C-alpha atoms as a PDB file:
ATOM      1  CA  UNK A   1      81.884  69.089 128.171  1.00  0.00           C
ATOM      2  CA  UNK A   2      84.068  71.162 125.782  1.00  0.00           C
ATOM      3  CA  UNK A   3      87.699  70.626 127.681  1.00  0.00           C
ATOM      4  CA  UNK A   4      90.144  74.039 126.374  1.00  0.00           C
ATOM      5  CA  UNK A   5      93.467  74.108 126.844  1.00  0.00           C
ATOM      6  CA  UNK A   6      94.871  76.161 129.927  1.00  0.00           C
ATOM      7  CA  UNK A   7      91.480  75.465 131.765  1.00  0.00           C
ATOM      8  CA  UNK A   8      90.904  73.238 134.774  1.00  0.00           C
ATOM      9  CA  UNK A   9      88.862  69.597 134.801  1.00  0.00           C
ATOM     10  CA  UNK A  10      87.309  69.731 137.730  1.00  0.00           C
ATOM     11  CA  UNK A  11      85.619  66.595 138.763  1.00  0.00           C
ATOM     12  CA  UNK A  12      84.114  64.509 141.879  1.00  0.00           C
ATOM     13  CA  UNK A  13      85.380  61.468 143.209  1.00  0.00           C
ATOM     14  CA  UNK A  14      83.747  58.782 145.096  1.00  0.00           C
ATOM     15  CA  UNK A  15      85.257  56.022 146.790  1.00  0.00           C
ATOM     16  CA  UNK A  16      84.726  52.444 145.166  1.00  0.00           C
ATOM     17  CA  UNK A  17      82.725  50.371 147.323  1.00  0.00           C
ATOM     18  CA  UNK A  18      78.974  48.601 147.380  1.00  0.00           C
ATOM     19  CA  UNK A  19      77.685  51.825 148.230  1.00  0.00           C
ATOM     20  CA  UNK A  20      78.385  53.681 145.215  1.00  0.00           C
ATOM     21  CA  UNK A  21      75.064  53.049 142.876  1.00  0.00           C
ATOM     22  CA  UNK A  22      73.366  54.494 145.733  1.00  0.00           C
ATOM     23  CA  UNK A  23      75.929  58.150 146.169  1.00  0.00           C
ATOM     24  CA  UNK A  24      74.121  61.285 145.567  1.00  0.00           C
ATOM     25  CA  UNK A  25      76.636  63.054 143.002  1.00  0.00           C
ATOM     26  CA  UNK A  26      76.401  66.346 145.036  1.00  0.00           C
ATOM     27  CA  UNK A  27      78.415  65.205 147.580  1.00  0.00           C
ATOM     28  CA  UNK A  28      81.537  63.777 146.768  1.00  0.00           C
ATOM     29  CA  UNK A  29      84.199  62.290 148.806  1.00  0.00           C
ATOM     30  CA  UNK A  30      87.358  64.427 146.984  1.00  0.00           C
ATOM     31  CA  UNK A  31      87.463  66.639 144.355  1.00  0.00           C
ATOM     32  CA  UNK A  32      90.293  66.342 141.797  1.00  0.00           C
ATOM     33  CA  UNK A  33      91.308  69.074 139.472  1.00  0.00           C
ATOM     34  CA  UNK A  34      93.641  68.433 136.227  1.00  0.00           C
ATOM     35  CA  UNK A  35      95.712  70.878 134.856  1.00  0.00           C
ATOM     36  CA  UNK A  36      94.865  70.685 131.036  1.00  0.00           C
ATOM     37  CA  UNK A  37      97.648  71.260 128.318  1.00  0.00           C
ATOM     38  CA  UNK A  38      97.654  71.079 124.857  1.00  0.00           C
ATOM     39  CA  UNK A  39     100.074  67.602 124.967  1.00  0.00           C
ATOM     40  CA  UNK A  40      96.911  65.885 127.430  1.00  0.00           C
ATOM     41  CA  UNK A  41      94.284  67.315 124.973  1.00  0.00           C
ATOM     42  CA  UNK A  42      95.790  65.931 121.994  1.00  0.00           C
ATOM     43  CA  UNK A  43      95.431  62.272 123.824  1.00  0.00           C
ATOM     44  CA  UNK A  44      92.388  62.627 124.907  1.00  0.00           C
ATOM     45  CA  UNK A  45      91.303  62.773 120.747  1.00  0.00           C
ATOM     46  CA  UNK A  46      91.495  59.283 120.437  1.00  0.00           C
ATOM     47  CA  UNK A  47      88.144  57.408 120.358  1.00  0.00           C
ATOM     48  CA  UNK A  48      88.159  53.894 121.632  1.00  0.00           C
ATOM     49  CA  UNK A  49      86.057  51.369 119.858  1.00  0.00           C
ATOM     50  CA  UNK A  50      82.859  50.815 121.318  1.00  0.00           C
ATOM     51  CA  UNK A  51      84.422  47.720 123.134  1.00  0.00           C
ATOM     52  CA  UNK A  52      87.842  49.434 124.054  1.00  0.00           C
ATOM     53  CA  UNK A  53      88.799  51.964 126.195  1.00  0.00           C
ATOM     54  CA  UNK A  54      92.071  53.461 126.746  1.00  0.00           C
ATOM     55  CA  UNK A  55      94.109  54.875 129.827  1.00  0.00           C
ATOM     56  CA  UNK A  56      96.158  58.213 130.587  1.00  0.00           C
ATOM     57  CA  UNK A  57      98.048  58.441 133.746  1.00  0.00           C
ATOM     58  CA  UNK A  58      97.932  61.975 134.904  1.00  0.00           C
ATOM     59  CA  UNK A  59     100.904  63.682 136.463  1.00  0.00           C
ATOM     60  CA  UNK A  60      99.314  67.493 136.876  1.00  0.00           C
ATOM     61  CA  UNK A  61      96.072  67.474 139.300  1.00  0.00           C
ATOM     62  CA  UNK A  62      95.357  68.529 142.847  1.00  0.00           C
ATOM     63  CA  UNK A  63      92.984  66.806 145.390  1.00  0.00           C
ATOM     64  CA  UNK A  64      91.193  68.091 147.739  1.00  0.00           C
ATOM     65  CA  UNK A  65      89.432  66.496 150.273  1.00  0.00           C
ATOM     66  CA  UNK A  66      85.210  66.964 150.693  1.00  0.00           C
ATOM     67  CA  UNK A  67      84.514  64.308 152.940  1.00  0.00           C
ATOM     68  CA  UNK A  68      86.013  64.807 156.532  1.00  0.00           C
ATOM     69  CA  UNK A  69      86.560  60.776 156.384  1.00  0.00           C
ATOM     70  CA  UNK A  70      89.261  60.741 153.197  1.00  0.00           C
ATOM     71  CA  UNK A  71      91.123  63.849 154.753  1.00  0.00           C
ATOM     72  CA  UNK A  72      93.575  61.079 155.120  1.00  0.00           C
ATOM     73  CA  UNK A  73      93.750  60.177 152.271  1.00  0.00           C
ATOM     74  CA  UNK A  74      95.700  63.595 150.374  1.00  0.00           C
ATOM     75  CA  UNK A  75      98.711  62.951 152.791  1.00  0.00           C
ATOM     76  CA  UNK A  76      99.403  59.424 151.063  1.00  0.00           C
ATOM     77  CA  UNK A  77     100.489  58.072 148.571  1.00  0.00           C
ATOM     78  CA  UNK A  78      98.436  58.514 145.464  1.00  0.00           C
ATOM     79  CA  UNK A  79      98.254  58.037 141.424  1.00  0.00           C
ATOM     80  CA  UNK A  80      95.694  59.231 138.454  1.00  0.00           C
ATOM     81  CA  UNK A  81      94.594  57.905 135.356  1.00  0.00           C
ATOM     82  CA  UNK A  82      91.913  59.217 132.938  1.00  0.00           C
ATOM     83  CA  UNK A  83      89.765  56.414 131.684  1.00  0.00           C
ATOM     84  CA  UNK A  84      88.602  57.149 127.849  1.00  0.00           C
ATOM     85  CA  UNK A  85      85.962  55.323 126.215  1.00  0.00           C
ATOM     86  CA  UNK A  86      83.748  55.266 123.586  1.00  0.00           C
ATOM     87  CA  UNK A  87      82.601  58.445 122.761  1.00  0.00           C
ATOM     88  CA  UNK A  88      84.767  59.873 123.920  1.00  0.00           C
ATOM     89  CA  UNK A  89      83.968  59.560 127.357  1.00  0.00           C
ATOM     90  CA  UNK A  90      85.920  60.453 130.429  1.00  0.00           C
ATOM     91  CA  UNK A  91      86.078  59.288 133.870  1.00  0.00           C
ATOM     92  CA  UNK A  92      89.269  59.585 136.549  1.00  0.00           C
ATOM     93  CA  UNK A  93      90.173  56.650 138.455  1.00  0.00           C
ATOM     94  CA  UNK A  94      92.046  57.389 141.814  1.00  0.00           C
ATOM     95  CA  UNK A  95      94.365  55.034 142.926  1.00  0.00           C
ATOM     96  CA  UNK A  96      96.018  55.138 146.311  1.00  0.00           C
ATOM     97  CA  UNK A  97      99.117  53.601 148.373  1.00  0.00           C
ATOM     98  CA  UNK A  98      96.761  51.734 150.677  1.00  0.00           C
ATOM     99  CA  UNK A  99      94.453  50.531 147.707  1.00  0.00           C
ATOM    100  CA  UNK A 100      91.788  52.627 147.976  1.00  0.00           C
ATOM    101  CA  UNK A 101      89.938  53.628 144.650  1.00  0.00           C
ATOM    102  CA  UNK A 102      88.171  56.554 144.178  1.00  0.00           C
ATOM    103  CA  UNK A 103      86.053  57.397 140.616  1.00  0.00           C
ATOM    104  CA  UNK A 104      84.497  59.810 138.585  1.00  0.00           C
ATOM    105  CA  UNK A 105      81.346  59.462 136.889  1.00  0.00           C
ATOM    106  CA  UNK A 106      82.080  59.411 132.832  1.00  0.00           C
ATOM    107  CA  UNK A 107      81.471  62.336 131.158  1.00  0.00           C
ATOM    108  CA  UNK A 108      81.579  63.005 127.189  1.00  0.00           C
ATOM    109  CA  UNK A 109      84.195  65.108 125.880  1.00  0.00           C
ATOM    110  CA  UNK A 110      85.204  67.487 123.693  1.00  0.00           C
ATOM    111  CA  UNK A 111      88.702  68.698 123.112  1.00  0.00           C
ATOM    112  CA  UNK A 112      88.982  72.602 121.873  1.00  0.00           C
ATOM    113  CA  UNK A 113      92.288  73.821 120.177  1.00  0.00           C
ATOM    114  CA  UNK A 114      92.706  77.142 119.650  1.00  0.00           C
ATOM    115  CA  UNK A 115      94.286  77.254 115.994  1.00  0.00           C
ATOM    116  CA  UNK A 116      95.196  81.344 116.381  1.00  0.00           C
ATOM    117  CA  UNK A 117      92.717  81.099 113.244  1.00  0.00           C
ATOM    118  CA  UNK A 118      90.613  83.964 114.724  1.00  0.00           C
ATOM    119  CA  UNK A 119      93.858  85.762 115.479  1.00  0.00           C
ATOM    120  CA  UNK A 120      94.868  85.560 112.190  1.00  0.00           C
ATOM    121  CA  UNK A 121      91.546  86.649 110.825  1.00  0.00           C
ATOM    122  CA  UNK A 122      91.966  89.809 112.588  1.00  0.00           C
ATOM    123  CA  UNK A 123      95.314  90.808 111.198  1.00  0.00           C
END
Protein backbone atom coordinates (compact mmCIF):
# COMPACT_ATOMS: atom_id res chain seq x y z
CA UNK A 1 0.00 0.00 0.00
CA UNK A 2 1.32 3.43 -0.92
CA UNK A 3 0.99 6.02 1.84
CA UNK A 4 0.79 9.69 0.80
CA UNK A 5 0.73 12.79 3.01
CA UNK A 6 -2.69 14.38 3.23
CA UNK A 7 -4.55 11.11 2.69
CA UNK A 8 -6.50 9.06 5.20
CA UNK A 9 -5.35 5.57 6.01
CA UNK A 10 -8.49 3.53 6.77
CA UNK A 11 -8.01 0.14 8.39
CA UNK A 12 -10.48 -2.41 9.74
CA UNK A 13 -10.16 -3.30 13.43
CA UNK A 14 -11.17 -6.60 14.99
CA UNK A 15 -11.76 -7.44 18.63
CA UNK A 16 -8.81 -9.53 19.83
CA UNK A 17 -10.12 -12.88 21.09
CA UNK A 18 -9.80 -16.59 20.32
CA UNK A 19 -12.10 -16.31 17.24
CA UNK A 20 -9.88 -13.72 15.54
CA UNK A 21 -8.32 -16.19 13.06
CA UNK A 22 -11.77 -17.19 11.77
CA UNK A 23 -13.06 -13.64 11.27
CA UNK A 24 -14.16 -12.37 7.86
CA UNK A 25 -11.94 -9.43 6.85
CA UNK A 26 -14.95 -7.82 5.19
CA UNK A 27 -16.81 -7.56 8.52
CA UNK A 28 -14.70 -5.60 11.02
CA UNK A 29 -15.90 -4.40 14.41
CA UNK A 30 -14.46 -0.89 14.03
CA UNK A 31 -12.75 1.18 11.35
CA UNK A 32 -9.92 3.57 12.15
CA UNK A 33 -9.13 6.53 9.90
CA UNK A 34 -5.61 7.88 10.45
CA UNK A 35 -4.62 11.29 9.11
CA UNK A 36 -1.30 10.94 7.31
CA UNK A 37 0.98 13.93 7.66
CA UNK A 38 4.65 14.40 6.79
CA UNK A 39 5.80 13.78 10.38
CA UNK A 40 3.97 10.45 10.62
CA UNK A 41 5.19 9.37 7.19
CA UNK A 42 8.78 10.17 8.16
CA UNK A 43 8.43 7.92 11.21
CA UNK A 44 6.90 5.17 9.06
CA UNK A 45 10.09 5.07 6.97
CA UNK A 46 11.89 3.04 9.62
CA UNK A 47 12.27 -0.61 8.69
CA UNK A 48 13.06 -2.64 11.81
CA UNK A 49 15.28 -5.72 11.61
CA UNK A 50 13.37 -8.98 10.96
CA UNK A 51 13.19 -9.91 14.65
CA UNK A 52 12.31 -6.38 15.86
CA UNK A 53 9.34 -4.02 15.71
CA UNK A 54 8.63 -0.38 16.49
CA UNK A 55 5.50 1.32 17.85
CA UNK A 56 4.25 4.83 17.12
CA UNK A 57 1.44 6.38 19.12
CA UNK A 58 -1.20 7.96 16.89
CA UNK A 59 -2.84 11.21 17.88
CA UNK A 60 -4.85 12.12 14.77
CA UNK A 61 -7.40 9.40 14.16
CA UNK A 62 -11.14 8.82 14.10
CA UNK A 63 -13.07 5.66 14.93
CA UNK A 64 -16.34 4.42 13.57
CA UNK A 65 -18.21 1.35 14.81
CA UNK A 66 -19.36 -1.18 12.26
CA UNK A 67 -20.61 -3.72 14.80
CA UNK A 68 -23.49 -2.63 17.05
CA UNK A 69 -21.81 -4.53 19.88
CA UNK A 70 -18.90 -2.07 19.95
CA UNK A 71 -20.70 1.28 19.48
CA UNK A 72 -20.24 1.97 23.22
CA UNK A 73 -16.46 1.64 22.67
CA UNK A 74 -16.50 4.96 20.82
CA UNK A 75 -17.65 6.74 23.97
CA UNK A 76 -14.98 5.21 26.21
CA UNK A 77 -11.37 6.36 26.34
CA UNK A 78 -9.00 4.71 23.94
CA UNK A 79 -5.57 5.12 22.38
CA UNK A 80 -4.09 3.78 19.17
CA UNK A 81 -0.61 2.87 18.03
CA UNK A 82 0.96 1.73 14.78
CA UNK A 83 3.13 -1.34 15.01
CA UNK A 84 5.85 -1.44 12.35
CA UNK A 85 7.49 -4.75 11.49
CA UNK A 86 10.23 -5.62 9.02
CA UNK A 87 9.10 -5.09 5.45
CA UNK A 88 7.95 -2.52 6.42
CA UNK A 89 4.57 -3.87 7.40
CA UNK A 90 2.18 -1.95 9.63
CA UNK A 91 -0.75 -2.84 11.85
CA UNK A 92 -2.87 -0.82 14.27
CA UNK A 93 -3.48 -1.71 17.90
CA UNK A 94 -6.33 0.03 19.71
CA UNK A 95 -6.60 -0.26 23.49
CA UNK A 96 -9.63 0.94 25.42
CA UNK A 97 -9.86 2.11 29.03
CA UNK A 98 -11.86 -1.01 29.87
CA UNK A 99 -8.93 -3.12 28.56
CA UNK A 100 -10.45 -4.25 25.28
CA UNK A 101 -7.94 -4.68 22.45
CA UNK A 102 -8.63 -4.35 18.74
CA UNK A 103 -6.15 -5.15 15.95
CA UNK A 104 -5.92 -4.59 12.24
CA UNK A 105 -4.41 -7.01 9.74
CA UNK A 106 -0.78 -6.30 8.81
CA UNK A 107 -0.33 -4.47 5.51
CA UNK A 108 2.74 -3.74 3.40
CA UNK A 109 3.43 -0.04 3.22
CA UNK A 110 5.52 2.31 1.18
CA UNK A 111 5.54 5.95 2.36
CA UNK A 112 5.57 8.47 -0.50
CA UNK A 113 6.77 12.05 -0.19
CA UNK A 114 6.13 15.02 -2.44
CA UNK A 115 9.58 16.53 -2.90
CA UNK A 116 8.26 19.21 -5.27
CA UNK A 117 10.31 17.83 -8.17
CA UNK A 118 7.37 17.85 -10.60
CA UNK A 119 6.84 21.55 -9.95
CA UNK A 120 10.54 22.30 -10.43
CA UNK A 121 10.57 20.48 -13.78
CA UNK A 122 7.51 22.41 -15.03
CA UNK A 123 9.14 25.76 -14.25
